[in-house]
Amino acid sequence: MKFTSKRLATGLLWLLYSLSLSAQHKTVTGTVSDDKSAPLPGATIRLKNTNIAAVSDTKGHFTISVPDDNGVLVISFTGMETKEVALQRRSSVAVTLGYANTNLSDVVVIGYGTVRKRDLTGTVSTVKGSELTRSAVSSLEQGLQGRMSGVAVTQNDAAPGGGLSVQIRGVSTLLGSSEPLYVIDGVPVANARASLKQAGPQEENHIIMTNTNPLSSISPADIESVEVLKDASATAIYGSRGANGVVIITTKKGKAGKGKVSLNTSQGIATVSRKLDMLNAPEYAQYVNEAYKNAGFSDRDLPYSGTNGKLSPEQIRQHFGDGINWQDEIYRNARIQNYELGISGGNDRNTYSIMGNYLVQEGVIKGSEYKRGGLRLNLDNQVNDWLKTSTNLAFSRSGNALVRTAATTSGLEGGIVRGALNYQPIPYYTVDSNNQVHVIDYQHDRSVSQDIFNRFGASPLRYTDEVKSKQTVNNGFGGFNAYITLPAGFMFQARLGASYYDQLNETYYPRTVSEGRATNGKAIVSSSTYTSLLTENLLTWKKETGKHRIDALGGFSYESSMSRFRTSETRNFADDKLGYYSLKEGLSVAPTVTGTTAWQLASFIARANYAYADKYLFTYTFRADGSSRLAKKWDAFNSVALAWRMSEEPFIKNLRVFSDLKLRLGYGESGNQAVSPYSSKGILSGVVANIGNALVSGVDQTSLPNTGLKWEHSGQYNIGLDAAFADRFNFSLNVYQRNTRDLLQQITIPASTGFTVATVNAGNMRNNGIELEVGAAVFKGTFNWNISANISCNSNEITDLGPVEEQFANRLGAGYGLDAKPFIQKKGYAVGTVWGFVEDGIFQNQKAVDDYKSVQQNAKVGQMRYKDLNNDGALNDLDRTKIGDINPDYTWGFTNNFSYKNFDLSILVTGVQGNDVLNANLLNFYTLNGSGNIPKYIYESTWKGEGTTNSVIQANQGNTTSANFSRSFLEDGSFIRIKNVQLGYNLPKIKGISGARVFLNAVNLVTFTKYKGYDPEVSAFENANMRGVDLGSYPQSRTISIGANVTF
């Protein structure tokens, strides 16, 4: 009996306990399907305002345990409308989701949070990761080209792994970079290259020979979405970091459900998009002879006269044909291989995503190549009902074989591209007493005389084959987030982020090139590192009651960064075998240059979003930044934005025209601290002086302190209109004005101060612009056609320069035998305005020369006449005027996406209109003194006698490179480019494979332009004040590739 009573008591206790649990949690089951009754596997079912969630299975079924059977379930699925379902004590529900109007319902990532696109009060443009994948691009910035209004992406250097410039709504500063802030998975990432350049020396021997791209370490396949915050009401949350706009990159996360393996691979061939038509060997001989004749040389003294052992142009054709086309020698068909592997999955509490990539990209110039391997890990863990964590780790390593191109090169040859264009097409030869011609291969015969080498220099092939230069980069990134759910709608977030970047450059110049000839070989090894540590603590609060919705946050951020560099140089090697692998072999060792810089940024952050009836939206943002770079360290930045969803008003609703109509107004402020870390201080540098015949070491002050150096401020107004019609057509129109004051810049000061320049706040600038983005679903059904288009117009003006009326932005051609200062910054004009002399035709005869000799003292028959604009009787710098502008009138992009059954086709066309390109190669070509090759069109247009032409001067051996800079060196840079075309086919279902797609892709397929250089999209200098310069730049390539996307 006791035994029975004990068992009965135990059973009753378990029954009561079970009933208690049942009273605390209810089990709810259900199904999720689309509007055609097809089950939706992987849909997320979440109890509103909690972290309790479940995921539907392959049949759309789900089970969720809830503490309150009167709660509300929130059901969501990618590409579908999110639906809320009140349980009302039900234990089973059936949910049908309709397809979302993705243009309005998509969640957009903004600074420190997300928001539905329909609730945006600021200006944000978005590109999905799927669009980048469908473009088969090798870098993120390439994928952004032409896809967003107000975002100008320019290929600075088309070398593999080369850098691109991203500029949002024009230039806003005169000092430092105009690049936006990049935020990866919530962690701001500095432009490591810019930071290293501030730390390291800038002498020619130490600079990087091919511009690298710090974001090239990110594979486009890793990206879920890219959001670009453009107006200050959106960027103000980042304070000074967001002065030039913000690019937020979200990488792919794992999704609950069955594990997924994805493999993307492509193989392609790249070729130079065009070659210039240069003079061949006999044409070159004829041109040089003409230049010598016009300089007064007799036939006997002409280089190709047929006397004194020399060959005539006709004999050159007989012996050498067309001679050497150096472009054919240096360019090649380059192979590109890309592999991307992703593994993801998880359950309702833990998800994971592992992504790896490997890229091999040969350059179209021989000797150049880029290799990159990367690994990324994203983990999300719902630890319990109140704690969630996320971890993001990434590492990449790249190796870059570099070649000398663009503005990183000085000397006789001037880089590989300039060398291929300028180098004579006639092989070096001698003629013996029997009139036999002997070609001397002085390009490879190291015993040739110094006289021959000094006259002709090294051919481009010696630079591609014998100069060894490589760059190795390691890039690491890590982020950890902890989210703690608190009562009453509060959440605390702690974030720790770290980034690491190191770069090793190794270069050796052998005796066979100019840089190594005089020094018996020269080796340069430089290393740089950049580290950054970020800590952030945020408290958010979300509350929804009735028609009111509030979303607020506040917090603190602290970032500490450091850069270090070391450069070593050794000369005078016994031979060229070991090069930079053994610096000790060199007998002449230069002192090692080292340096370290460090800086910090502390910030207080606050933002509040308020919505009433989903109709009236309000956002206020505040950020206070303190920077160690400035003397006046702290400043505050505010922004406010309002939006009115007019489509919710009855008088608009009743029209039944708009599915959405929203008016946005915003104003915000941001700052800029883009100066070197110690610009406000007087820097002391070590020196060695000879005092009393003894070397004494000490210190010397090398910069002028500025105790008043403060933030550069930008205030931006924005008015926008968003509209959607019948969920098929939408547009977004934005008009803005950005005013920048207290410009940070370096001005020239009197030498009597003991210094030459000072960093100050002086001047103001204004940018005005208009942007339009349009999207339409033209056809839906078996055949689908979607279009998206954008167009942008920005106008820049310097409204004040402080103590000066005008100043040179920089010198073009220093070290290249060229002397031109075409970029002048002047009140009332845009940054990028080109100044020069105005041509007034050719001096056709001696009388014309004599009549103008008092004005242009070096005037000669057959040479260019320039206007004396100020009528002072002399030609000088006062006669320079605006002759061009590198800023475009507008830029645009147009995308068409088609699909029919298993086929899909995507076409992206981009265009730029109204900009000039400064073709600095013409500074050599138009010298026309016979010292190097020139394009055929220039030679055919030269002045050959009175009345023959009035635009191109006479070929004359006496011409110099110091010709006055004029409109002749500018060309129309407008272009229309079929940027990307991809044709894809989805294979029929294969057992064991979720999906398989093959594609054919073309990049830079066709370009329509009047520009006579390689490509109008070029910028040889990284300086934002000197954009649009072509100076032997690495040419763009056309790439054709095939590939496959497979999912298991």
Foldseek 3Di string as FASTA:
>chain_A
DVVVVVVVVVVVVVVVVVVVVCQQKAKAKEFEEEPVRQGDFQKWKDFPPFLFIFTAAPRRMIIGIHRDQQTWIWIDDPQWDIDIDGRNNPRYDYYYTYGDLCCFQPWADFQPGIDTNVQDQADKDKDFLVQQVQFPDQFDLLSCPFRDFQWHWFQFFQFVQAAIAIFGQDAFFLFFFLGAWEAEPNRTDDQVVSQQPLWDDDDLVPDDQGHHYPRSQDGSNFFGMKMKGHAFQRQCLVFQRGPRTYIYTYGDWFGAYDKKKWKWKWKWKWFQPDDFFFQFQLRLLVLQQQQAVVQPDDLQPRQANCPPFHHHSVVLCVPANRFAQLVVVFFDIKMKIKIKMKMWYHTSFKIKIKIKMWIWTATRGAQWIKIKIKIKIWMWGNPDGFKIKIKIKMKMKMKIWDFHFFPSDFDDCQGLLLLSFWARRGADWGADPVRDIGGDPLLPPVPDDPVVCVQRFHHSVCRNPPKTKMKMKMKIKIKMKMWGDDPQQKIKIKMKIKIKMKMKMKIKDACSGDVAVVFRIKIKIKMKMKMKIKIKIKMWGWDDDDQKTKIKMKIKMKMKMKMKMKMWMATQAPHRDCGRVDRVRGPGTDDMDIGMDMKMKIKIWIKMWMGGNSFKIKIKIKMWMAILQFLRGIDMKIKIKIKGFCCPDPVNVVVLWFPTKMKMKMKIKHWHSRDNRHQQHFDKDKDWDQDPNDTDIDIDGAADHHNPGDIKMKMKIKIKMWTDGPSFKIKIKMWMKIKIAQHWDWDADDCVVVYGIHTGRWFMKMKTKMKMKMKGFPDDDLKTKIKIKMKMFMDMFTQTGGPDQKDQSDFPQVNHQAGDRQFMHGHGHGLQFGKFWEWDWFQQDVVSCVVLCQAVVPHDHQDIDTDPVVPPSYDDPVRIDGAFGQDFRMKMKMWMWIHHNFKIKIWIKIKTHRGKAQACSVLVQLLLQSSTMHRPVLSVAGDDHRPSHTPGGHRHNPRGSHDTDHCVRIDGLIKMFRAKMKMKGKDPDDPPWPTKMKMKMKGRPDMDDPDSDSHQSYASDSSPSRGRYGSRHSGHIIMIMMMMMTMD
